[in-house]
């Protein structure tokens, strides 16, 4: 009985931790868009790309926005949905999960 209670307490304590993993992209490599498509997405949004890398299974664009601010953009590898935009110079970040569309300022 004590072992069951301990296991249940453990399982109840960690669902919040699994929510943090929602930002990670778990997509088979066969379903990924090519890096050229990510670079084109950056161009369409007015971003200058310094580097495109893979972080937590997602594409991450390091570059500058049209105003010259440093920006990190997390992109879903198969849909190219912008998941998060983080401006490094002023520590602001915004997520596309909040329903915003279009370019970020």
PDB file of N, CA and C in Angstrom:
ATOM      1  N   UNK A   1       0.817  -1.187   0.000  1.00  0.00           N
ATOM      2  CA  UNK A   1       0.000   0.000   0.000  1.00  0.00           C
ATOM      3  C   UNK A   1       0.865   1.256   0.000  1.00  0.00           C
ATOM      4  N   UNK A   2       1.901   1.256   0.845  1.00  0.00           N
ATOM      5  CA  UNK A   2       2.788   2.415   0.927  1.00  0.00           C
ATOM      6  C   UNK A   2       3.500   2.648  -0.405  1.00  0.00           C
ATOM      7  N   UNK A   3       3.873   1.543  -1.074  1.00  0.00           N
ATOM      8  CA  UNK A   3       4.538   1.650  -2.371  1.00  0.00           C
ATOM      9  C   UNK A   3       3.591   2.243  -3.412  1.00  0.00           C
ATOM     10  N   UNK A   4       2.322   1.866  -3.395  1.00  0.00           N
ATOM     11  CA  UNK A   4       1.316   2.392  -4.320  1.00  0.00           C
ATOM     12  C   UNK A   4       1.108   3.883  -4.100  1.00  0.00           C
ATOM     13  N   UNK A   5       1.030   4.310  -2.862  1.00  0.00           N
ATOM     14  CA  UNK A   5       0.851   5.727  -2.543  1.00  0.00           C
ATOM     15  C   UNK A   5       2.056   6.527  -3.020  1.00  0.00           C
ATOM     16  N   UNK A   6       3.243   5.986  -2.840  1.00  0.00           N
ATOM     17  CA  UNK A   6       4.462   6.666  -3.281  1.00  0.00           C
ATOM     18  C   UNK A   6       4.475   6.820  -4.804  1.00  0.00           C
ATOM     19  N   UNK A   7       4.102   5.775  -5.508  1.00  0.00           N
ATOM     20  CA  UNK A   7       4.063   5.831  -6.972  1.00  0.00           C
ATOM     21  C   UNK A   7       3.012   6.834  -7.439  1.00  0.00           C
ATOM     22  N   UNK A   8       1.844   6.823  -6.839  1.00  0.00           N
ATOM     23  CA  UNK A   8       0.799   7.775  -7.210  1.00  0.00           C
ATOM     24  C   UNK A   8       1.226   9.215  -6.929  1.00  0.00           C
ATOM     25  N   UNK A   9       1.883   9.434  -5.816  1.00  0.00           N
ATOM     26  CA  UNK A   9       2.368  10.778  -5.492  1.00  0.00           C
ATOM     27  C   UNK A   9       3.396  11.223  -6.524  1.00  0.00           C
ATOM     28  N   UNK A  10       4.259  10.318  -6.940  1.00  0.00           N
ATOM     29  CA  UNK A  10       5.266  10.625  -7.954  1.00  0.00           C
ATOM     30  C   UNK A  10       4.595  10.992  -9.279  1.00  0.00           C
ATOM     31  N   UNK A  11       3.613  10.207  -9.699  1.00  0.00           N
ATOM     32  CA  UNK A  11       2.929  10.466 -10.959  1.00  0.00           C
ATOM     33  C   UNK A  11       2.133  11.772 -10.933  1.00  0.00           C
ATOM     34  N   UNK A  12       1.565  12.092  -9.798  1.00  0.00           N
ATOM     35  CA  UNK A  12       0.824  13.341  -9.682  1.00  0.00           C
ATOM     36  C   UNK A  12       1.736  14.560  -9.654  1.00  0.00           C
ATOM     37  N   UNK A  13       2.945  14.373  -9.182  1.00  0.00           N
ATOM     38  CA  UNK A  13       3.884  15.499  -9.089  1.00  0.00           C
ATOM     39  C   UNK A  13       4.498  15.852 -10.437  1.00  0.00           C
ATOM     40  N   UNK A  14       4.540  14.926 -11.390  1.00  0.00           N
ATOM     41  CA  UNK A  14       5.281  15.177 -12.624  1.00  0.00           C
ATOM     42  C   UNK A  14       4.467  15.498 -13.862  1.00  0.00           C
ATOM     43  N   UNK A  15       3.144  15.552 -13.874  1.00  0.00           N
ATOM     44  CA  UNK A  15       2.472  16.007 -15.089  1.00  0.00           C
ATOM     45  C   UNK A  15       2.856  17.435 -15.471  1.00  0.00           C
ATOM     46  N   UNK A  16       3.132  18.283 -14.496  1.00  0.00           N
ATOM     47  CA  UNK A  16       3.561  19.650 -14.806  1.00  0.00           C
ATOM     48  C   UNK A  16       4.895  19.622 -15.527  1.00  0.00           C
ATOM     49  N   UNK A  17       5.761  18.712 -15.186  1.00  0.00           N
ATOM     50  CA  UNK A  17       7.048  18.588 -15.852  1.00  0.00           C
ATOM     51  C   UNK A  17       6.907  18.144 -17.288  1.00  0.00           C
ATOM     52  N   UNK A  18       5.907  17.328 -17.587  1.00  0.00           N
ATOM     53  CA  UNK A  18       5.706  16.910 -18.968  1.00  0.00           C
ATOM     54  C   UNK A  18       5.203  18.056 -19.818  1.00  0.00           C
ATOM     55  N   UNK A  19       4.552  19.042 -19.220  1.00  0.00           N
ATOM     56  CA  UNK A  19       4.106  20.205 -19.979  1.00  0.00           C
ATOM     57  C   UNK A  19       5.300  20.991 -20.500  1.00  0.00           C
ATOM     58  N   UNK A  20       6.410  20.964 -19.785  1.00  0.00           N
ATOM     59  CA  UNK A  20       7.596  21.666 -20.249  1.00  0.00           C
ATOM     60  C   UNK A  20       8.154  21.030 -21.517  1.00  0.00           C
ATOM     61  N   UNK A  21       7.937  19.761 -21.697  1.00  0.00           N
ATOM     62  CA  UNK A  21       8.431  19.069 -22.880  1.00  0.00           C
ATOM     63  C   UNK A  21       7.622  19.395 -24.122  1.00  0.00           C
ATOM     64  N   UNK A  22       6.486  20.086 -23.986  1.00  0.00           N
ATOM     65  CA  UNK A  22       5.665  20.440 -25.132  1.00  0.00           C
ATOM     66  C   UNK A  22       6.396  21.356 -26.102  1.00  0.00           C
ATOM     67  N   UNK A  23       7.393  22.101 -25.637  1.00  0.00           N
ATOM     68  CA  UNK A  23       8.149  22.984 -26.510  1.00  0.00           C
ATOM     69  C   UNK A  23       9.086  22.207 -27.421  1.00  0.00           C
ATOM     70  N   UNK A  24       9.409  20.972 -27.062  1.00  0.00           N
ATOM     71  CA  UNK A  24      10.317  20.170 -27.859  1.00  0.00           C
ATOM     72  C   UNK A  24       9.573  19.582 -29.048  1.00  0.00           C
ATOM     73  N   UNK A  25      10.285  19.391 -30.132  1.00  0.00           N
ATOM     74  CA  UNK A  25       9.699  18.857 -31.361  1.00  0.00           C
ATOM     75  C   UNK A  25      10.139  17.412 -31.520  1.00  0.00           C
ATOM     76  N   UNK A  26       9.198  16.515 -31.531  1.00  0.00           N
ATOM     77  CA  UNK A  26       9.507  15.107 -31.708  1.00  0.00           C
ATOM     78  C   UNK A  26       8.928  14.661 -33.035  1.00  0.00           C
ATOM     79  N   UNK A  27       9.741  14.778 -34.083  1.00  0.00           N
ATOM     80  CA  UNK A  27       9.312  14.467 -35.439  1.00  0.00           C
ATOM     81  C   UNK A  27      10.383  13.594 -36.086  1.00  0.00           C
ATOM     82  N   UNK A  28       9.985  12.500 -36.752  1.00  0.00           N
ATOM     83  CA  UNK A  28      10.985  11.699 -37.462  1.00  0.00           C
ATOM     84  C   UNK A  28      11.704  12.549 -38.513  1.00  0.00           C
ATOM     85  N   UNK A  29      12.996  12.351 -38.660  1.00  0.00           N
ATOM     86  CA  UNK A  29      13.790  13.134 -39.615  1.00  0.00           C
ATOM     87  C   UNK A  29      13.234  13.056 -41.040  1.00  0.00           C
ATOM     88  N   UNK A  30      12.598  11.950 -41.377  1.00  0.00           N
ATOM     89  CA  UNK A  30      12.021  11.799 -42.724  1.00  0.00           C
ATOM     90  C   UNK A  30      10.928  12.830 -42.997  1.00  0.00           C
ATOM     91  N   UNK A  31      10.333  13.385 -41.939  1.00  0.00           N
ATOM     92  CA  UNK A  31       9.246  14.355 -42.086  1.00  0.00           C
ATOM     93  C   UNK A  31       9.718  15.804 -41.984  1.00  0.00           C
ATOM     94  N   UNK A  32      11.002  16.033 -41.843  1.00  0.00           N
ATOM     95  CA  UNK A  32      11.528  17.391 -41.686  1.00  0.00           C
ATOM     96  C   UNK A  32      11.568  18.122 -43.017  1.00  0.00           C
ATOM     97  N   UNK A  33      11.310  19.420 -42.963  1.00  0.00           N
ATOM     98  CA  UNK A  33      11.523  20.301 -44.110  1.00  0.00           C
ATOM     99  C   UNK A  33      13.028  20.556 -44.219  1.00  0.00           C
ATOM    100  N   UNK A  34      13.536  20.832 -45.425  1.00  0.00           N
ATOM    101  CA  UNK A  34      14.972  21.102 -45.565  1.00  0.00           C
ATOM    102  C   UNK A  34      15.365  22.452 -44.966  1.00  0.00           C
ATOM    103  N   UNK A  35      16.644  22.602 -44.664  1.00  0.00           N
ATOM    104  CA  UNK A  35      17.154  23.862 -44.104  1.00  0.00           C
ATOM    105  C   UNK A  35      16.878  25.043 -45.039  1.00  0.00           C
ATOM    106  N   UNK A  36      16.895  24.797 -46.348  1.00  0.00           N
ATOM    107  CA  UNK A  36      16.603  25.874 -47.301  1.00  0.00           C
ATOM    108  C   UNK A  36      15.208  26.455 -47.079  1.00  0.00           C
ATOM    109  N   UNK A  37      14.253  25.608 -46.703  1.00  0.00           N
ATOM    110  CA  UNK A  37      12.899  26.085 -46.418  1.00  0.00           C
ATOM    111  C   UNK A  37      12.881  26.948 -45.155  1.00  0.00           C
ATOM    112  N   UNK A  38      13.714  26.601 -44.184  1.00  0.00           N
ATOM    113  CA  UNK A  38      13.826  27.394 -42.956  1.00  0.00           C
ATOM    114  C   UNK A  38      14.457  28.748 -43.274  1.00  0.00           C
ATOM    115  N   UNK A  39      15.482  28.739 -44.109  1.00  0.00           N
ATOM    116  CA  UNK A  39      16.130  29.989 -44.523  1.00  0.00           C
ATOM    117  C   UNK A  39      15.136  30.877 -45.274  1.00  0.00           C
ATOM    118  N   UNK A  40      14.303  30.280 -46.102  1.00  0.00           N
ATOM    119  CA  UNK A  40      13.279  31.056 -46.839  1.00  0.00           C
ATOM    120  C   UNK A  40      12.251  31.645 -45.876  1.00  0.00           C
ATOM    121  N   UNK A  41      11.867  30.888 -44.864  1.00  0.00           N
ATOM    122  CA  UNK A  41      10.953  31.390 -43.838  1.00  0.00           C
ATOM    123  C   UNK A  41      11.551  32.624 -43.163  1.00  0.00           C
ATOM    124  N   UNK A  42      12.841  32.556 -42.856  1.00  0.00           N
ATOM    125  CA  UNK A  42      13.523  33.694 -42.227  1.00  0.00           C
ATOM    126  C   UNK A  42      13.488  34.909 -43.147  1.00  0.00           C
ATOM    127  N   UNK A  43      13.771  34.704 -44.407  1.00  0.00           N
ATOM    128  CA  UNK A  43      13.755  35.808 -45.373  1.00  0.00           C
ATOM    129  C   UNK A  43      12.361  36.430 -45.467  1.00  0.00           C
ATOM    130  N   UNK A  44      11.331  35.603 -45.506  1.00  0.00           N
ATOM    131  CA  UNK A  44       9.953  36.094 -45.579  1.00  0.00           C
ATOM    132  C   UNK A  44       9.583  36.946 -44.370  1.00  0.00           C
ATOM    133  N   UNK A  45      10.203  36.668 -43.233  1.00  0.00           N
ATOM    134  CA  UNK A  45       9.916  37.423 -42.011  1.00  0.00           C
ATOM    135  C   UNK A  45      10.885  38.588 -41.795  1.00  0.00           C
ATOM    136  N   UNK A  46      11.788  38.809 -42.741  1.00  0.00           N
ATOM    137  CA  UNK A  46      12.715  39.925 -42.642  1.00  0.00           C
ATOM    138  C   UNK A  46      13.895  39.670 -41.722  1.00  0.00           C
ATOM    139  N   UNK A  47      14.203  38.399 -41.455  1.00  0.00           N
ATOM    140  CA  UNK A  47      15.309  38.054 -40.563  1.00  0.00           C
ATOM    141  C   UNK A  47      16.558  37.754 -41.377  1.00  0.00           C
ATOM    142  N   UNK A  48      17.709  38.196 -40.890  1.00  0.00           N
ATOM    143  CA  UNK A  48      19.003  37.838 -41.455  1.00  0.00           C
ATOM    144  C   UNK A  48      19.530  36.669 -40.637  1.00  0.00           C
ATOM    145  N   UNK A  49      19.880  35.592 -41.308  1.00  0.00           N
ATOM    146  CA  UNK A  49      20.286  34.364 -40.617  1.00  0.00           C
ATOM    147  C   UNK A  49      21.795  34.348 -40.393  1.00  0.00           C
ATOM    148  N   UNK A  50      22.192  34.134 -39.144  1.00  0.00           N
ATOM    149  CA  UNK A  50      23.585  33.858 -38.803  1.00  0.00           C
ATOM    150  C   UNK A  50      23.825  32.362 -38.798  1.00  0.00           C
ATOM    151  N   UNK A  51      22.841  31.637 -38.248  1.00  0.00           N
ATOM    152  CA  UNK A  51      23.002  30.190 -38.099  1.00  0.00           C
ATOM    153  C   UNK A  51      21.631  29.539 -37.957  1.00  0.00           C
ATOM    154  N   UNK A  52      21.490  28.385 -38.557  1.00  0.00           N
ATOM    155  CA  UNK A  52      20.324  27.529 -38.346  1.00  0.00           C
ATOM    156  C   UNK A  52      20.850  26.266 -37.689  1.00  0.00           C
ATOM    157  N   UNK A  53      20.299  25.953 -36.514  1.00  0.00           N
ATOM    158  CA  UNK A  53      20.752  24.758 -35.812  1.00  0.00           C
ATOM    159  C   UNK A  53      19.542  23.963 -35.344  1.00  0.00           C
ATOM    160  N   UNK A  54      19.816  22.815 -34.769  1.00  0.00           N
ATOM    161  CA  UNK A  54      18.770  21.966 -34.206  1.00  0.00           C
ATOM    162  C   UNK A  54      18.921  22.002 -32.700  1.00  0.00           C
ATOM    163  N   UNK A  55      17.823  22.323 -32.001  1.00  0.00           N
ATOM    164  CA  UNK A  55      17.826  22.387 -30.545  1.00  0.00           C
ATOM    165  C   UNK A  55      16.545  21.741 -30.042  1.00  0.00           C
ATOM    166  N   UNK A  56      16.669  20.747 -29.183  1.00  0.00           N
ATOM    167  CA  UNK A  56      15.525  20.003 -28.634  1.00  0.00           C
ATOM    168  C   UNK A  56      14.622  19.455 -29.739  1.00  0.00           C
ATOM    169  N   UNK A  57      15.214  19.061 -30.854  1.00  0.00           N
ATOM    170  CA  UNK A  57      14.450  18.478 -31.948  1.00  0.00           C
ATOM    171  C   UNK A  57      13.757  19.486 -32.832  1.00  0.00           C
ATOM    172  N   UNK A  58      13.949  20.766 -32.576  1.00  0.00           N
ATOM    173  CA  UNK A  58      13.351  21.833 -33.383  1.00  0.00           C
ATOM    174  C   UNK A  58      14.457  22.559 -34.143  1.00  0.00           C
ATOM    175  N   UNK A  59      14.082  23.202 -35.245  1.00  0.00           N
ATOM    176  CA  UNK A  59      15.015  24.131 -35.871  1.00  0.00           C
ATOM    177  C   UNK A  59      15.090  25.375 -34.998  1.00  0.00           C
ATOM    178  N   UNK A  60      16.265  25.982 -34.931  1.00  0.00           N
ATOM    179  CA  UNK A  60      16.422  27.251 -34.242  1.00  0.00           C
ATOM    180  C   UNK A  60      17.216  28.179 -35.151  1.00  0.00           C
ATOM    181  N   UNK A  61      16.627  29.329 -35.432  1.00  0.00           N
ATOM    182  CA  UNK A  61      17.275  30.338 -36.259  1.00  0.00           C
ATOM    183  C   UNK A  61      17.910  31.364 -35.336  1.00  0.00           C
ATOM    184  N   UNK A  62      19.206  31.580 -35.481  1.00  0.00           N
ATOM    185  CA  UNK A  62      19.901  32.663 -34.795  1.00  0.00           C
ATOM    186  C   UNK A  62      20.178  33.718 -35.853  1.00  0.00           C
ATOM    187  N   UNK A  63      19.776  34.947 -35.571  1.00  0.00           N
ATOM    188  CA  UNK A  63      20.002  35.992 -36.550  1.00  0.00           C
ATOM    189  C   UNK A  63      19.597  37.350 -36.025  1.00  0.00           C
ATOM    190  N   UNK A  64      19.226  38.204 -36.959  1.00  0.00           N
ATOM    191  CA  UNK A  64      18.781  39.554 -36.636  1.00  0.00           C
ATOM    192  C   UNK A  64      17.454  39.809 -37.332  1.00  0.00           C
ATOM    193  N   UNK A  65      16.592  40.598 -36.662  1.00  0.00           N
ATOM    194  CA  UNK A  65      15.336  40.967 -37.302  1.00  0.00           C
ATOM    195  C   UNK A  65      15.566  42.184 -38.195  1.00  0.00           C
ATOM    196  N   UNK A  66      14.503  42.687 -38.818  1.00  0.00           N
ATOM    197  CA  UNK A  66      14.611  43.809 -39.749  1.00  0.00           C
ATOM    198  C   UNK A  66      15.126  45.079 -39.081  1.00  0.00           C
ATOM    199  N   UNK A  67      14.950  45.203 -37.759  1.00  0.00           N
ATOM    200  CA  UNK A  67      15.427  46.368 -37.017  1.00  0.00           C
ATOM    201  C   UNK A  67      16.857  46.175 -36.503  1.00  0.00           C
ATOM    202  N   UNK A  68      17.452  45.030 -36.798  1.00  0.00           N
ATOM    203  CA  UNK A  68      18.825  44.770 -36.385  1.00  0.00           C
ATOM    204  C   UNK A  68      18.979  44.136 -35.017  1.00  0.00           C
ATOM    205  N   UNK A  69      17.857  43.836 -34.350  1.00  0.00           N
ATOM    206  CA  UNK A  69      17.932  43.193 -33.030  1.00  0.00           C
ATOM    207  C   UNK A  69      18.271  41.718 -33.192  1.00  0.00           C
ATOM    208  N   UNK A  70      19.068  41.192 -32.248  1.00  0.00           N
ATOM    209  CA  UNK A  70      19.370  39.765 -32.257  1.00  0.00           C
ATOM    210  C   UNK A  70      18.104  38.995 -31.915  1.00  0.00           C
ATOM    211  N   UNK A  71      17.892  37.907 -32.627  1.00  0.00           N
ATOM    212  CA  UNK A  71      16.674  37.131 -32.453  1.00  0.00           C
ATOM    213  C   UNK A  71      17.005  35.645 -32.516  1.00  0.00           C
ATOM    214  N   UNK A  72      16.303  34.868 -31.693  1.00  0.00           N
ATOM    215  CA  UNK A  72      16.322  33.405 -31.775  1.00  0.00           C
ATOM    216  C   UNK A  72      14.893  32.966 -32.037  1.00  0.00           C
ATOM    217  N   UNK A  73      14.715  32.147 -33.044  1.00  0.00           N
ATOM    218  CA  UNK A  73      13.378  31.698 -33.429  1.00  0.00           C
ATOM    219  C   UNK A  73      13.358  30.179 -33.426  1.00  0.00           C
ATOM    220  N   UNK A  74      12.432  29.607 -32.680  1.00  0.00           N
ATOM    221  CA  UNK A  74      12.247  28.151 -32.650  1.00  0.00           C
ATOM    222  C   UNK A  74      11.155  27.809 -33.656  1.00  0.00           C
ATOM    223  N   UNK A  75      11.470  26.850 -34.559  1.00  0.00           N
ATOM    224  CA  UNK A  75      10.581  26.499 -35.664  1.00  0.00           C
ATOM    225  C   UNK A  75      10.325  24.996 -35.651  1.00  0.00           C
ATOM    226  N   UNK A  76       9.067  24.611 -35.825  1.00  0.00           N
ATOM    227  CA  UNK A  76       8.713  23.195 -35.908  1.00  0.00           C
ATOM    228  C   UNK A  76       9.310  22.626 -37.197  1.00  0.00           C
ATOM    229  N   UNK A  77      10.012  21.499 -37.131  1.00  0.00           N
ATOM    230  CA  UNK A  77      10.753  21.005 -38.289  1.00  0.00           C
ATOM    231  C   UNK A  77       9.910  20.481 -39.450  1.00  0.00           C
ATOM    232  N   UNK A  78       8.696  20.029 -39.202  1.00  0.00           N
ATOM    233  CA  UNK A  78       7.904  19.506 -40.320  1.00  0.00           C
ATOM    234  C   UNK A  78       6.882  20.516 -40.839  1.00  0.00           C
ATOM    235  N   UNK A  79       6.326  21.334 -39.960  1.00  0.00           N
ATOM    236  CA  UNK A  79       5.298  22.289 -40.389  1.00  0.00           C
ATOM    237  C   UNK A  79       5.854  23.683 -40.634  1.00  0.00           C
ATOM    238  N   UNK A  80       7.053  23.953 -40.148  1.00  0.00           N
ATOM    239  CA  UNK A  80       7.694  25.272 -40.172  1.00  0.00           C
ATOM    240  C   UNK A  80       6.876  26.320 -39.434  1.00  0.00           C
ATOM    241  N   UNK A  81       6.049  25.857 -38.497  1.00  0.00           N
ATOM    242  CA  UNK A  81       5.322  26.777 -37.624  1.00  0.00           C
ATOM    243  C   UNK A  81       6.318  27.426 -36.675  1.00  0.00           C
ATOM    244  N   UNK A  82       6.203  28.739 -36.516  1.00  0.00           N
ATOM    245  CA  UNK A  82       7.067  29.461 -35.585  1.00  0.00           C
ATOM    246  C   UNK A  82       6.518  29.226 -34.185  1.00  0.00           C
ATOM    247  N   UNK A  83       7.315  28.574 -33.347  1.00  0.00           N
ATOM    248  CA  UNK A  83       6.884  28.215 -32.011  1.00  0.00           C
ATOM    249  C   UNK A  83       7.224  29.279 -30.985  1.00  0.00           C
ATOM    250  N   UNK A  84       8.360  29.955 -31.161  1.00  0.00           N
ATOM    251  CA  UNK A  84       8.794  30.947 -30.185  1.00  0.00           C
ATOM    252  C   UNK A  84       9.756  31.918 -30.855  1.00  0.00           C
ATOM    253  N   UNK A  85       9.624  33.184 -30.503  1.00  0.00           N
ATOM    254  CA  UNK A  85      10.560  34.216 -30.945  1.00  0.00           C
ATOM    255  C   UNK A  85      11.120  34.874 -29.695  1.00  0.00           C
ATOM    256  N   UNK A  86      12.430  34.897 -29.583  1.00  0.00           N
ATOM    257  CA  UNK A  86      13.075  35.504 -28.422  1.00  0.00           C
ATOM    258  C   UNK A  86      14.037  36.582 -28.901  1.00  0.00           C
ATOM    259  N   UNK A  87      13.828  37.795 -28.408  1.00  0.00           N
ATOM    260  CA  UNK A  87      14.723  38.908 -28.709  1.00  0.00           C
ATOM    261  C   UNK A  87      15.796  38.934 -27.637  1.00  0.00           C
ATOM    262  N   UNK A  88      17.037  38.752 -28.017  1.00  0.00           N
ATOM    263  CA  UNK A  88      18.118  38.617 -27.049  1.00  0.00           C
ATOM    264  C   UNK A  88      18.529  39.934 -26.421  1.00  0.00           C
ATOM    265  N   UNK A  89      18.363  41.051 -27.126  1.00  0.00           N
ATOM    266  CA  UNK A  89      18.853  42.317 -26.598  1.00  0.00           C
ATOM    267  C   UNK A  89      18.025  42.865 -25.452  1.00  0.00           C
ATOM    268  N   UNK A  90      16.736  42.561 -25.424  1.00  0.00           N
ATOM    269  CA  UNK A  90      15.922  43.094 -24.341  1.00  0.00           C
ATOM    270  C   UNK A  90      15.194  42.012 -23.557  1.00  0.00           C
ATOM    271  N   UNK A  91      15.620  40.756 -23.762  1.00  0.00           N
ATOM    272  CA  UNK A  91      15.113  39.618 -22.989  1.00  0.00           C
ATOM    273  C   UNK A  91      13.612  39.410 -23.120  1.00  0.00           C
ATOM    274  N   UNK A  92      12.986  40.012 -24.117  1.00  0.00           N
ATOM    275  CA  UNK A  92      11.572  39.727 -24.360  1.00  0.00           C
ATOM    276  C   UNK A  92      11.463  38.441 -25.159  1.00  0.00           C
ATOM    277  N   UNK A  93      10.410  37.712 -24.936  1.00  0.00           N
ATOM    278  CA  UNK A  93      10.129  36.575 -25.803  1.00  0.00           C
ATOM    279  C   UNK A  93       8.634  36.466 -25.969  1.00  0.00           C
ATOM    280  N   UNK A  94       8.246  36.013 -27.150  1.00  0.00           N
ATOM    281  CA  UNK A  94       6.837  35.805 -27.416  1.00  0.00           C
ATOM    282  C   UNK A  94       6.682  34.457 -28.094  1.00  0.00           C
ATOM    283  N   UNK A  95       5.576  33.828 -27.836  1.00  0.00           N
ATOM    284  CA  UNK A  95       5.319  32.518 -28.384  1.00  0.00           C
ATOM    285  C   UNK A  95       4.157  32.587 -29.353  1.00  0.00           C
ATOM    286  N   UNK A  96       4.248  31.827 -30.431  1.00  0.00           N
ATOM    287  CA  UNK A  96       3.147  31.756 -31.386  1.00  0.00           C
ATOM    288  C   UNK A  96       1.975  30.972 -30.808  1.00  0.00           C
ATOM    289  N   UNK A  97       2.169  30.291 -29.692  1.00  0.00           N
ATOM    290  CA  UNK A  97       1.083  29.543 -29.070  1.00  0.00           C
ATOM    291  C   UNK A  97      -0.007  30.475 -28.553  1.00  0.00           C
ATOM    292  N   UNK A  98       0.303  31.768 -28.388  1.00  0.00           N
ATOM    293  CA  UNK A  98      -0.695  32.706 -27.890  1.00  0.00           C
ATOM    294  C   UNK A  98      -1.624  33.186 -28.985  1.00  0.00           C
ATOM    295  N   UNK A  99      -1.480  32.635 -30.201  1.00  0.00           N
ATOM    296  CA  UNK A  99      -2.403  32.950 -31.278  1.00  0.00           C
ATOM    297  C   UNK A  99      -1.991  34.128 -32.125  1.00  0.00           C
ATOM    298  N   UNK A 100      -0.813  34.690 -31.897  1.00  0.00           N
ATOM    299  CA  UNK A 100      -0.369  35.812 -32.709  1.00  0.00           C
ATOM    300  C   UNK A 100       0.038  35.312 -34.082  1.00  0.00           C
ATOM    301  N   UNK A 101      -0.161  36.132 -35.074  1.00  0.00           N
ATOM    302  CA  UNK A 101       0.244  35.793 -36.425  1.00  0.00           C
ATOM    303  C   UNK A 101       1.059  36.914 -37.010  1.00  0.00           C
ATOM    304  N   UNK A 102       1.575  36.673 -38.208  1.00  0.00           N
ATOM    305  CA  UNK A 102       2.337  37.717 -38.892  1.00  0.00           C
ATOM    306  C   UNK A 102       3.716  37.893 -38.305  1.00  0.00           C
ATOM    307  N   UNK A 103       4.322  39.004 -38.684  1.00  0.00           N
ATOM    308  CA  UNK A 103       5.676  39.297 -38.234  1.00  0.00           C
ATOM    309  C   UNK A 103       5.682  39.813 -36.822  1.00  0.00           C
ATOM    310  N   UNK A 104       6.780  39.565 -36.137  1.00  0.00           N
ATOM    311  CA  UNK A 104       6.986  40.135 -34.812  1.00  0.00           C
ATOM    312  C   UNK A 104       7.712  41.455 -34.958  1.00  0.00           C
ATOM    313  N   UNK A 105       7.426  42.392 -34.087  1.00  0.00           N
ATOM    314  CA  UNK A 105       8.119  43.676 -34.141  1.00  0.00           C
ATOM    315  C   UNK A 105       9.356  43.687 -33.299  1.00  0.00           C
TER     316      UNK A 105
END
